[in-house]
C-alpha atoms as a PDB file:
ATOM      1  CA  MET A   1     -72.554 -19.799 -25.271  1.00  0.00           C
ATOM      2  CA  SER A   2     -72.826 -23.567 -24.951  1.00  0.00           C
ATOM      3  CA  THR A   3     -70.338 -26.329 -24.527  1.00  0.00           C
ATOM      4  CA  CYS A   4     -70.391 -29.989 -23.663  1.00  0.00           C
ATOM      5  CA  ASP A   5     -68.114 -30.034 -20.639  1.00  0.00           C
ATOM      6  CA  SER A   6     -66.492 -26.834 -19.394  1.00  0.00           C
ATOM      7  CA  LEU A   7     -65.324 -23.453 -20.595  1.00  0.00           C
ATOM      8  CA  VAL A   8     -62.227 -21.442 -19.726  1.00  0.00           C
ATOM      9  CA  PHE A   9     -63.000 -17.701 -19.930  1.00  0.00           C
ATOM     10  CA  GLN A  10     -60.865 -14.863 -18.672  1.00  0.00           C
ATOM     11  CA  GLY A  11     -58.678 -17.350 -16.861  1.00  0.00           C
ATOM     12  CA  GLN A  12     -61.603 -19.009 -15.094  1.00  0.00           C
ATOM     13  CA  THR A  13     -62.823 -22.555 -15.665  1.00  0.00           C
ATOM     14  CA  LEU A  14     -66.592 -22.746 -15.774  1.00  0.00           C
ATOM     15  CA  THR A  15     -68.189 -26.180 -15.367  1.00  0.00           C
ATOM     16  CA  GLU A  16     -71.828 -25.320 -14.722  1.00  0.00           C
ATOM     17  CA  SER A  17     -74.436 -23.569 -16.783  1.00  0.00           C
ATOM     18  CA  GLY A  18     -75.264 -20.011 -15.728  1.00  0.00           C
ATOM     19  CA  SER A  19     -74.677 -16.263 -16.221  1.00  0.00           C
ATOM     20  CA  TYR A  20     -71.244 -15.000 -15.327  1.00  0.00           C
ATOM     21  CA  PRO A  21     -70.330 -11.227 -15.254  1.00  0.00           C
ATOM     22  CA  PHE A  22     -66.825 -10.232 -16.256  1.00  0.00           C
ATOM     23  CA  THR A  23     -65.321  -6.732 -15.993  1.00  0.00           C
ATOM     24  CA  ILE A  24     -62.804  -5.819 -18.623  1.00  0.00           C
ATOM     25  CA  ARG A  25     -61.016  -2.599 -19.497  1.00  0.00           C
ATOM     26  CA  ASN A  26     -61.199  -1.283 -23.022  1.00  0.00           C
ATOM     27  CA  ALA A  27     -58.475   0.515 -25.040  1.00  0.00           C
ATOM     28  CA  ALA A  28     -59.562   3.882 -23.703  1.00  0.00           C
ATOM     29  CA  GLY A  29     -58.957   2.706 -20.158  1.00  0.00           C
ATOM     30  CA  CYS A  30     -62.648   2.415 -19.325  1.00  0.00           C
ATOM     31  CA  ASP A  31     -64.178  -0.576 -17.570  1.00  0.00           C
ATOM     32  CA  SER A  32     -66.757  -2.613 -19.365  1.00  0.00           C
ATOM     33  CA  VAL A  33     -68.946  -5.428 -18.030  1.00  0.00           C
ATOM     34  CA  ILE A  34     -69.564  -8.516 -20.079  1.00  0.00           C
ATOM     35  CA  ILE A  35     -72.251 -11.058 -19.146  1.00  0.00           C
ATOM     36  CA  LEU A  36     -71.488 -14.612 -20.209  1.00  0.00           C
ATOM     37  CA  ASN A  37     -74.510 -16.884 -20.497  1.00  0.00           C
ATOM     38  CA  LEU A  38     -73.076 -20.376 -20.427  1.00  0.00           C
ATOM     39  CA  SER A  39     -74.888 -23.598 -21.136  1.00  0.00           C
ATOM     40  CA  ILE A  40     -73.113 -26.853 -20.297  1.00  0.00           C
ATOM     41  CA  ASN A  41     -74.804 -29.519 -22.367  1.00  0.00           C
ATOM     42  CA  SER A  42     -73.236 -32.583 -20.829  1.00  0.00           C
ATOM     43  CA  ASN A  43     -74.759 -33.686 -17.528  1.00  0.00           C
ATOM     44  CA  GLN A  44     -73.862 -35.877 -14.609  1.00  0.00           C
ATOM     45  CA  GLN A  45     -76.348 -37.525 -12.258  1.00  0.00           C
ATOM     46  CA  ILE A  46     -75.345 -39.251  -9.030  1.00  0.00           C
ATOM     47  CA  SER A  47     -77.653 -41.636  -7.223  1.00  0.00           C
ATOM     48  CA  SER A  48     -76.849 -42.893  -3.709  1.00  0.00           C
ATOM     49  CA  VAL A  49     -78.677 -46.048  -2.687  1.00  0.00           C
ATOM     50  CA  SER A  50     -78.520 -48.281   0.402  1.00  0.00           C
ATOM     51  CA  SER A  51     -80.346 -51.585   0.337  1.00  0.00           C
ATOM     52  CA  CYS A  52     -80.582 -54.873   2.271  1.00  0.00           C
ATOM     53  CA  ASN A  53     -81.242 -56.696  -0.994  1.00  0.00           C
ATOM     54  CA  PRO A  54     -79.813 -56.615  -4.508  1.00  0.00           C
ATOM     55  CA  TYR A  55     -80.642 -53.308  -6.238  1.00  0.00           C
ATOM     56  CA  ARG A  56     -81.946 -52.951  -9.779  1.00  0.00           C
ATOM     57  CA  TRP A  57     -80.649 -49.730 -11.353  1.00  0.00           C
ATOM     58  CA  ASP A  58     -83.139 -48.292 -13.804  1.00  0.00           C
ATOM     59  CA  VAL A  59     -80.376 -46.585 -15.790  1.00  0.00           C
ATOM     60  CA  ASP A  60     -79.074 -49.883 -17.186  1.00  0.00           C
ATOM     61  CA  GLY A  61     -81.583 -52.436 -15.889  1.00  0.00           C
ATOM     62  CA  GLN A  62     -78.882 -54.384 -14.048  1.00  0.00           C
ATOM     63  CA  ASN A  63     -79.094 -55.926 -10.576  1.00  0.00           C
ATOM     64  CA  TYR A  64     -76.256 -54.976  -8.251  1.00  0.00           C
ATOM     65  CA  THR A  65     -75.479 -57.232  -5.295  1.00  0.00           C
ATOM     66  CA  GLN A  66     -72.245 -55.701  -3.999  1.00  0.00           C
ATOM     67  CA  SER A  67     -71.445 -52.289  -2.648  1.00  0.00           C
ATOM     68  CA  GLY A  68     -69.556 -50.008  -5.052  1.00  0.00           C
ATOM     69  CA  ARG A  69     -69.569 -47.000  -7.383  1.00  0.00           C
ATOM     70  CA  TYR A  70     -70.968 -47.714 -10.820  1.00  0.00           C
ATOM     71  CA  GLN A  71     -71.007 -45.386 -13.818  1.00  0.00           C
ATOM     72  CA  LYS A  72     -72.775 -45.324 -17.157  1.00  0.00           C
ATOM     73  CA  THR A  73     -72.063 -42.790 -19.906  1.00  0.00           C
ATOM     74  CA  PHE A  74     -74.511 -41.944 -22.688  1.00  0.00           C
ATOM     75  CA  THR A  75     -74.566 -39.353 -25.525  1.00  0.00           C
ATOM     76  CA  ASN A  76     -77.413 -36.892 -25.362  1.00  0.00           C
ATOM     77  CA  SER A  77     -79.218 -35.219 -28.218  1.00  0.00           C
ATOM     78  CA  LEU A  78     -76.700 -32.363 -28.259  1.00  0.00           C
ATOM     79  CA  GLY A  79     -73.850 -34.784 -28.805  1.00  0.00           C
ATOM     80  CA  CYS A  80     -72.518 -34.380 -25.296  1.00  0.00           C
ATOM     81  CA  ASP A  81     -71.778 -37.026 -22.715  1.00  0.00           C
ATOM     82  CA  SER A  82     -74.442 -37.782 -20.131  1.00  0.00           C
ATOM     83  CA  ILE A  83     -72.921 -39.485 -17.105  1.00  0.00           C
ATOM     84  CA  HIS A  84     -74.942 -41.466 -14.558  1.00  0.00           C
ATOM     85  CA  ILE A  85     -73.256 -42.595 -11.344  1.00  0.00           C
ATOM     86  CA  LEU A  86     -74.602 -45.086  -8.794  1.00  0.00           C
ATOM     87  CA  ASP A  87     -73.160 -45.137  -5.295  1.00  0.00           C
ATOM     88  CA  PHE A  88     -74.517 -48.419  -3.969  1.00  0.00           C
ATOM     89  CA  LYS A  89     -74.156 -49.668  -0.393  1.00  0.00           C
ATOM     90  CA  ARG A  90     -75.302 -53.213   0.246  1.00  0.00           C
ATOM     91  CA  LEU A  91     -76.425 -53.467   3.838  1.00  0.00           C
ATOM     92  CA  PRO A  92     -75.546 -56.806   5.407  1.00  0.00           C
ATOM     93  CA  SER A  93     -78.041 -59.507   6.287  1.00  0.00           C
ATOM     94  CA  TYR A  94     -76.800 -62.605   8.067  1.00  0.00           C
ATOM     95  CA  LEU A  95     -77.297 -66.348   7.903  1.00  0.00           C
ATOM     96  CA  ILE A  96     -75.797 -67.767  11.087  1.00  0.00           C
ATOM     97  CA  ASN A  97     -75.512 -71.507  11.723  1.00  0.00           C
ATOM     98  CA  GLU A  98     -74.898 -72.869  15.206  1.00  0.00           C
ATOM     99  CA  LYS A  99     -74.487 -76.422  16.505  1.00  0.00           C
ATOM    100  CA  ALA A 100     -74.928 -77.668  20.065  1.00  0.00           C
ATOM    101  CA  GLU A 101     -74.400 -81.144  21.527  1.00  0.00           C
ATOM    102  CA  VAL A 102     -75.639 -81.641  25.083  1.00  0.00           C
ATOM    103  CA  CYS A 103     -76.580 -84.435  27.487  1.00  0.00           C
ATOM    104  CA  GLY A 104     -79.969 -83.047  28.516  1.00  0.00           C
ATOM    105  CA  PRO A 105     -82.474 -80.272  27.759  1.00  0.00           C
ATOM    106  CA  PHE A 106     -80.862 -77.205  26.133  1.00  0.00           C
ATOM    107  CA  PHE A 107     -81.756 -73.608  27.004  1.00  0.00           C
ATOM    108  CA  TRP A 108     -81.533 -71.480  23.848  1.00  0.00           C
ATOM    109  CA  ASN A 109     -81.071 -67.940  25.110  1.00  0.00           C
ATOM    110  CA  VAL A 110     -81.870 -66.500  21.686  1.00  0.00           C
ATOM    111  CA  THR A 111     -85.521 -67.453  22.143  1.00  0.00           C
ATOM    112  CA  ASN A 112     -85.530 -68.085  25.917  1.00  0.00           C
ATOM    113  CA  THR A 113     -86.758 -71.593  25.154  1.00  0.00           C
ATOM    114  CA  LEU A 114     -85.932 -74.924  26.795  1.00  0.00           C
ATOM    115  CA  LEU A 115     -85.463 -77.507  24.032  1.00  0.00           C
ATOM    116  CA  ASP A 116     -85.691 -81.194  24.955  1.00  0.00           C
ATOM    117  CA  GLN A 117     -85.554 -82.834  21.524  1.00  0.00           C
ATOM    118  CA  SER A 118     -82.816 -83.038  18.931  1.00  0.00           C
ATOM    119  CA  GLY A 119     -83.561 -81.221  15.658  1.00  0.00           C
ATOM    120  CA  GLN A 120     -83.142 -78.141  13.485  1.00  0.00           C
ATOM    121  CA  TYR A 121     -84.382 -74.839  14.930  1.00  0.00           C
ATOM    122  CA  SER A 122     -84.484 -71.385  13.279  1.00  0.00           C
ATOM    123  CA  HIS A 123     -85.127 -67.885  14.534  1.00  0.00           C
ATOM    124  CA  PRO A 124     -85.476 -64.718  12.399  1.00  0.00           C
ATOM    125  CA  LEU A 125     -83.449 -61.645  13.362  1.00  0.00           C
ATOM    126  CA  GLN A 126     -83.190 -58.077  12.136  1.00  0.00           C
ATOM    127  CA  THR A 127     -80.076 -55.916  11.947  1.00  0.00           C
ATOM    128  CA  ILE A 128     -79.889 -52.343  13.149  1.00  0.00           C
ATOM    129  CA  GLU A 129     -80.390 -51.224   9.522  1.00  0.00           C
ATOM    130  CA  GLY A 130     -83.588 -53.283   9.335  1.00  0.00           C
ATOM    131  CA  CYS A 131     -82.221 -56.159   7.263  1.00  0.00           C
ATOM    132  CA  ASP A 132     -83.721 -59.597   7.812  1.00  0.00           C
ATOM    133  CA  SER A 133     -81.335 -62.268   9.065  1.00  0.00           C
ATOM    134  CA  LEU A 134     -81.703 -65.891  10.120  1.00  0.00           C
ATOM    135  CA  LEU A 135     -80.149 -67.875  12.960  1.00  0.00           C
ATOM    136  CA  ASN A 136     -80.158 -71.676  12.594  1.00  0.00           C
ATOM    137  CA  LEU A 137     -79.481 -74.123  15.421  1.00  0.00           C
ATOM    138  CA  GLU A 138     -78.612 -77.788  14.928  1.00  0.00           C
ATOM    139  CA  LEU A 139     -79.293 -79.412  18.286  1.00  0.00           C
ATOM    140  CA  ILE A 140     -78.136 -82.923  19.241  1.00  0.00           C
ATOM    141  CA  ILE A 141     -79.252 -84.199  22.641  1.00  0.00           C
ATOM    142  CA  HIS A 142     -77.349 -87.304  23.680  1.00  0.00           C
ATOM    143  CA  PRO A 143     -79.327 -89.542  26.040  1.00  0.00           C
ATOM    144  CA  HIS A 144     -78.331 -90.367  29.559  1.00  0.00           C
ATOM    145  CA  PHE A 145     -79.440 -93.838  30.550  1.00  0.00           C
ATOM    146  CA  ILE A 146     -81.002 -95.453  33.591  1.00  0.00           C
ATOM    147  CA  LYS A 147     -80.709 -99.199  33.089  1.00  0.00           C
ATOM    148  CA  THR A 148     -82.031-101.807  35.490  1.00  0.00           C
ATOM    149  CA  ASP A 149     -81.058-105.470  35.714  1.00  0.00           C
ATOM    150  CA  THR A 150     -83.376-107.711  37.733  1.00  0.00           C
ATOM    151  CA  ILE A 151     -81.677-110.976  38.670  1.00  0.00           C
ATOM    152  CA  ILE A 152     -83.056-113.954  40.601  1.00  0.00           C
ATOM    153  CA  SER A 153     -80.309-116.401  41.506  1.00  0.00           C
ATOM    154  CA  GLN A 154     -79.920-119.470  43.713  1.00  0.00           C
ATOM    155  CA  THR A 155     -76.228-118.742  44.240  1.00  0.00           C
ATOM    156  CA  ASP A 156     -73.890-115.775  44.541  1.00  0.00           C
ATOM    157  CA  TYR A 157     -74.125-113.506  41.502  1.00  0.00           C
ATOM    158  CA  ASN A 158     -71.283-111.828  39.623  1.00  0.00           C
ATOM    159  CA  TRP A 159     -72.497-108.558  38.067  1.00  0.00           C
ATOM    160  CA  PRO A 160     -70.602-107.991  34.785  1.00  0.00           C
ATOM    161  CA  VAL A 161     -71.138-104.243  35.042  1.00  0.00           C
ATOM    162  CA  ASN A 162     -68.554-103.925  37.820  1.00  0.00           C
ATOM    163  CA  ASN A 163     -67.288-107.541  37.986  1.00  0.00           C
ATOM    164  CA  THR A 164     -68.374-107.810  41.620  1.00  0.00           C
ATOM    165  CA  ASN A 165     -69.736-110.895  43.401  1.00  0.00           C
ATOM    166  CA  TYR A 166     -72.861-110.373  45.485  1.00  0.00           C
ATOM    167  CA  SER A 167     -74.048-112.927  48.027  1.00  0.00           C
ATOM    168  CA  VAL A 168     -76.849-110.890  49.596  1.00  0.00           C
ATOM    169  CA  SER A 169     -80.096-109.821  47.999  1.00  0.00           C
ATOM    170  CA  GLY A 170     -80.461-106.071  47.589  1.00  0.00           C
ATOM    171  CA  ASN A 171     -80.409-103.049  45.295  1.00  0.00           C
ATOM    172  CA  TYR A 172     -77.059-101.986  43.848  1.00  0.00           C
ATOM    173  CA  GLU A 173     -76.059 -99.349  41.334  1.00  0.00           C
ATOM    174  CA  GLU A 174     -73.097 -98.082  39.360  1.00  0.00           C
ATOM    175  CA  GLN A 175     -72.691 -94.627  37.820  1.00  0.00           C
ATOM    176  CA  TYR A 176     -70.835 -94.255  34.550  1.00  0.00           C
ATOM    177  CA  SER A 177     -70.399 -91.926  31.576  1.00  0.00           C
ATOM    178  CA  SER A 178     -71.657 -92.752  28.112  1.00  0.00           C
ATOM    179  CA  GLU A 179     -69.472 -92.417  25.031  1.00  0.00           C
ATOM    180  CA  PHE A 180     -70.676 -88.801  24.748  1.00  0.00           C
ATOM    181  CA  GLY A 181     -69.755 -87.985  28.355  1.00  0.00           C
ATOM    182  CA  CYS A 182     -73.314 -88.110  29.684  1.00  0.00           C
ATOM    183  CA  ASP A 183     -73.797 -89.364  33.239  1.00  0.00           C
ATOM    184  CA  SER A 184     -75.837 -92.561  33.433  1.00  0.00           C
ATOM    185  CA  ILE A 185     -76.884 -95.099  36.079  1.00  0.00           C
ATOM    186  CA  HIS A 186     -76.945 -98.891  35.917  1.00  0.00           C
ATOM    187  CA  ARG A 187     -79.001-100.549  38.682  1.00  0.00           C
ATOM    188  CA  LEU A 188     -79.115-104.126  39.901  1.00  0.00           C
ATOM    189  CA  ILE A 189     -82.097-105.618  41.718  1.00  0.00           C
ATOM    190  CA  LEU A 190     -80.768-108.903  43.073  1.00  0.00           C
ATOM    191  CA  ILE A 191     -82.839-111.662  44.691  1.00  0.00           C
ATOM    192  CA  ILE A 192     -80.871-114.653  45.940  1.00  0.00           C
ATOM    193  CA  LYS A 193     -82.935-117.769  46.821  1.00  0.00           C
ATOM    194  CA  ASN A 194     -80.581-120.289  48.289  1.00  0.00           C
ATOM    195  CA  GLU A 195     -81.632-123.960  47.892  1.00  0.00           C
ATOM    196  CA  GLN A 196     -81.558-125.630  51.291  1.00  0.00           C
ATOM    197  CA  GLY A 197     -81.509-129.259  52.329  1.00  0.00           C
ATOM    198  CA  ILE A 198     -83.557-130.270  55.354  1.00  0.00           C
ATOM    199  CA  TYR A 199     -82.533-133.475  57.093  1.00  0.00           C
ATOM    200  CA  TYR A 200     -85.154-135.006  59.304  1.00  0.00           C
ATOM    201  CA  PRO A 201     -85.585-138.067  61.487  1.00  0.00           C
ATOM    202  CA  ASN A 202     -88.844-139.995  61.662  1.00  0.00           C
ATOM    203  CA  VAL A 203     -91.084-137.054  60.853  1.00  0.00           C
ATOM    204  CA  LEU A 204     -93.416-139.131  58.697  1.00  0.00           C
ATOM    205  CA  ILE A 205     -95.950-141.323  60.389  1.00  0.00           C
ATOM    206  CA  PRO A 206     -98.800-143.378  59.008  1.00  0.00           C
ATOM    207  CA  GLY A 207    -101.658-141.075  58.151  1.00  0.00           C
ATOM    208  CA  GLY A 208     -99.709-137.820  58.103  1.00  0.00           C
ATOM    209  CA  ILE A 209     -96.588-135.922  59.131  1.00  0.00           C
ATOM    210  CA  SER A 210     -95.471-134.217  62.272  1.00  0.00           C
ATOM    211  CA  GLY A 211     -96.528-130.648  62.987  1.00  0.00           C
ATOM    212  CA  GLY A 212     -93.110-129.243  62.192  1.00  0.00           C
ATOM    213  CA  PHE A 213     -93.345-129.686  58.400  1.00  0.00           C
ATOM    214  CA  THR A 214     -95.851-129.200  55.608  1.00  0.00           C
ATOM    215  CA  ILE A 215     -95.590-130.926  52.241  1.00  0.00           C
ATOM    216  CA  PHE A 216     -96.503-128.902  49.111  1.00  0.00           C
ATOM    217  CA  ASP A 217     -97.271-130.218  45.657  1.00  0.00           C
ATOM    218  CA  ASN A 218     -97.119-127.386  43.059  1.00  0.00           C
ATOM    219  CA  LEU A 219     -97.568-124.870  45.890  1.00  0.00           C
ATOM    220  CA  THR A 220    -100.643-126.756  47.220  1.00  0.00           C
ATOM    221  CA  PRO A 221    -100.419-128.390  50.684  1.00  0.00           C
ATOM    222  CA  SER A 222    -100.834-132.155  50.366  1.00  0.00           C
ATOM    223  CA  LEU A 223    -100.281-135.312  52.382  1.00  0.00           C
ATOM    224  CA  PRO A 224     -98.684-138.453  51.047  1.00  0.00           C
ATOM    225  CA  SER A 225    -100.382-141.812  51.181  1.00  0.00           C
ATOM    226  CA  PRO A 226    -100.049-143.459  54.584  1.00  0.00           C
ATOM    227  CA  ARG A 227     -96.725-145.240  54.794  1.00  0.00           C
ATOM    228  CA  SER A 228     -95.183-147.472  57.387  1.00  0.00           C
ATOM    229  CA  PRO A 229     -91.901-146.449  58.976  1.00  0.00           C
ATOM    230  CA  PHE A 230     -89.026-148.847  58.735  1.00  0.00           C
ATOM    231  CA  THR A 231     -85.411-148.942  59.750  1.00  0.00           C
ATOM    232  CA  ILE A 232     -82.399-148.683  57.562  1.00  0.00           C
ATOM    233  CA  ALA A 233     -81.807-152.332  58.195  1.00  0.00           C
ATOM    234  CA  GLY A 234     -85.379-153.084  57.218  1.00  0.00           C
ATOM    235  CA  ALA A 235     -85.067-150.848  54.178  1.00  0.00           C
ATOM    236  CA  ALA A 236     -82.365-153.094  52.865  1.00  0.00           C
ATOM    237  CA  SER A 237     -84.880-155.883  52.840  1.00  0.00           C
ATOM    238  CA  PHE A 238     -87.281-153.790  50.745  1.00  0.00           C
ATOM    239  CA  GLY A 239     -84.476-152.351  48.539  1.00  0.00           C
ATOM    240  CA  LYS A 240     -85.265-148.706  49.346  1.00  0.00           C
ATOM    241  CA  SER A 241     -83.658-146.469  51.948  1.00  0.00           C
ATOM    242  CA  THR A 242     -84.443-142.952  50.582  1.00  0.00           C
ATOM    243  CA  ILE A 243     -87.500-141.147  49.271  1.00  0.00           C
ATOM    244  CA  SER A 244     -87.981-138.018  47.094  1.00  0.00           C
ATOM    245  CA  LEU A 245     -90.683-135.752  48.411  1.00  0.00           C
ATOM    246  CA  PRO A 246     -92.578-132.891  46.841  1.00  0.00           C
ATOM    247  CA  MET A 247     -91.686-129.361  48.003  1.00  0.00           C
ATOM    248  CA  ILE A 248     -91.371-129.101  51.789  1.00  0.00           C
ATOM    249  CA  ARG A 249     -91.308-125.929  53.809  1.00  0.00           C
ATOM    250  CA  PRO A 250     -91.202-125.337  57.545  1.00  0.00           C
ATOM    251  CA  SER A 251     -94.508-124.398  59.140  1.00  0.00           C
ATOM    252  CA  VAL A 252     -95.319-120.790  60.102  1.00  0.00           C
ATOM    253  CA  GLY A 253     -92.695-119.398  62.402  1.00  0.00           C
ATOM    254  CA  MET A 254     -89.896-121.465  60.876  1.00  0.00           C
ATOM    255  CA  GLY A 255     -89.069-119.254  57.843  1.00  0.00           C
ATOM    256  CA  ALA A 256     -91.483-120.568  55.218  1.00  0.00           C
ATOM    257  CA  SER A 257     -90.290-120.717  51.592  1.00  0.00           C
ATOM    258  CA  LYS A 258     -92.097-121.759  48.416  1.00  0.00           C
ATOM    259  CA  THR A 259     -88.986-122.506  46.386  1.00  0.00           C
ATOM    260  CA  ASN A 260     -89.165-126.023  44.874  1.00  0.00           C
ATOM    261  CA  MET A 261     -86.710-128.326  46.674  1.00  0.00           C
ATOM    262  CA  SER A 262     -85.950-132.030  46.823  1.00  0.00           C
ATOM    263  CA  TYR A 263     -85.315-133.552  50.225  1.00  0.00           C
ATOM    264  CA  GLN A 264     -83.779-136.867  51.201  1.00  0.00           C
ATOM    265  CA  GLU A 265     -84.477-138.991  54.178  1.00  0.00           C
ATOM    266  CA  CYS A 266     -81.190-139.500  56.009  1.00  0.00           C
ATOM    267  CA  ILE A 267     -81.834-141.461  59.189  1.00  0.00           C
ATOM    268  CA  HIS A 268     -84.894-143.592  58.621  1.00  0.00           C
ATOM    269  CA  GLY A 269     -86.776-144.664  55.559  1.00  0.00           C
ATOM    270  CA  MET A 270     -90.260-145.776  54.865  1.00  0.00           C
ATOM    271  CA  ARG A 271     -91.909-148.001  52.370  1.00  0.00           C
ATOM    272  CA  ASN A 272     -95.177-148.021  50.503  1.00  0.00           C
END
C-alpha cells in the first residue's frame, strides 16, 4: 500500500514506509496475522548547517545570511509533497572599532605593541567557533611641548608666560597643560646685559690712556689720536667740554665687558 503522507490502520497512524504486522481475529474466533507493506511517497529532508559566512542552499540556490529555519516544498513524480528544511545557524564574526586619545606613546595590549604615532591600526581575531573578526584602533596622540624662549635684554624682562619680572640672568621654567590636558614645559633662558656708565677723571693723556682702561673699536683694542688735556674752563674757550668714545671696558681684573657703550667725560675734557 502506498500513500503520500500517512496512513491510519487498525487505529494506528503510520507515517513511515515499512512492513507492519497486525493480528486480527476472524469470525470463527481464530487469530490471523496481516502484514501491511506501506510506502510513504512524500518525503522530508532536514539539513542543519552552521557557518561563519552567508550560506548558499543548493535546494533553492539562495544565499542565507541570518540564522533561522527555512523550508521548501516540491511535488515529486508520484504527486506527493517533498519537503526540504534548512536549519541554519549563522556564527558571529565581529568588526570592533576602538578609539584612543593619549598624550604620549600608547601600549595596545591586543598586540603588546607600543605605538608612538597617530593613525589607524587593525588586528585580525578569531572567535571560538573559528570565525574571522577584525579589531580596528583609531589612535590620536596629542603632543606635549617643550618650548624655549632665549632672551637677551639690557633691562629687567617681563616674561608673558607667567607675567613675572626678572632682573637676574638665569634659566626659568613654567609647567602647564595643553588644551588636551597634556603636561608641557615652557623654558626661559634669560641674559641681562646692563648698560653701565663709567665716569672718569683725567684718564686720557697725550699718546695714550692710563692702565685702568682699554678703548675698543668694533671689539678691536685701539688708541685715539694724541690729545691735549684741558680744563672745563679751557674747554669753554674751545667750545667743547665732552667727548664720545668708542667702546670702553675695564682692563682684566675689573669685570671686562664687550657690550657697546657710550661714555662721557664728566670732570675734564680734552681737545683735538
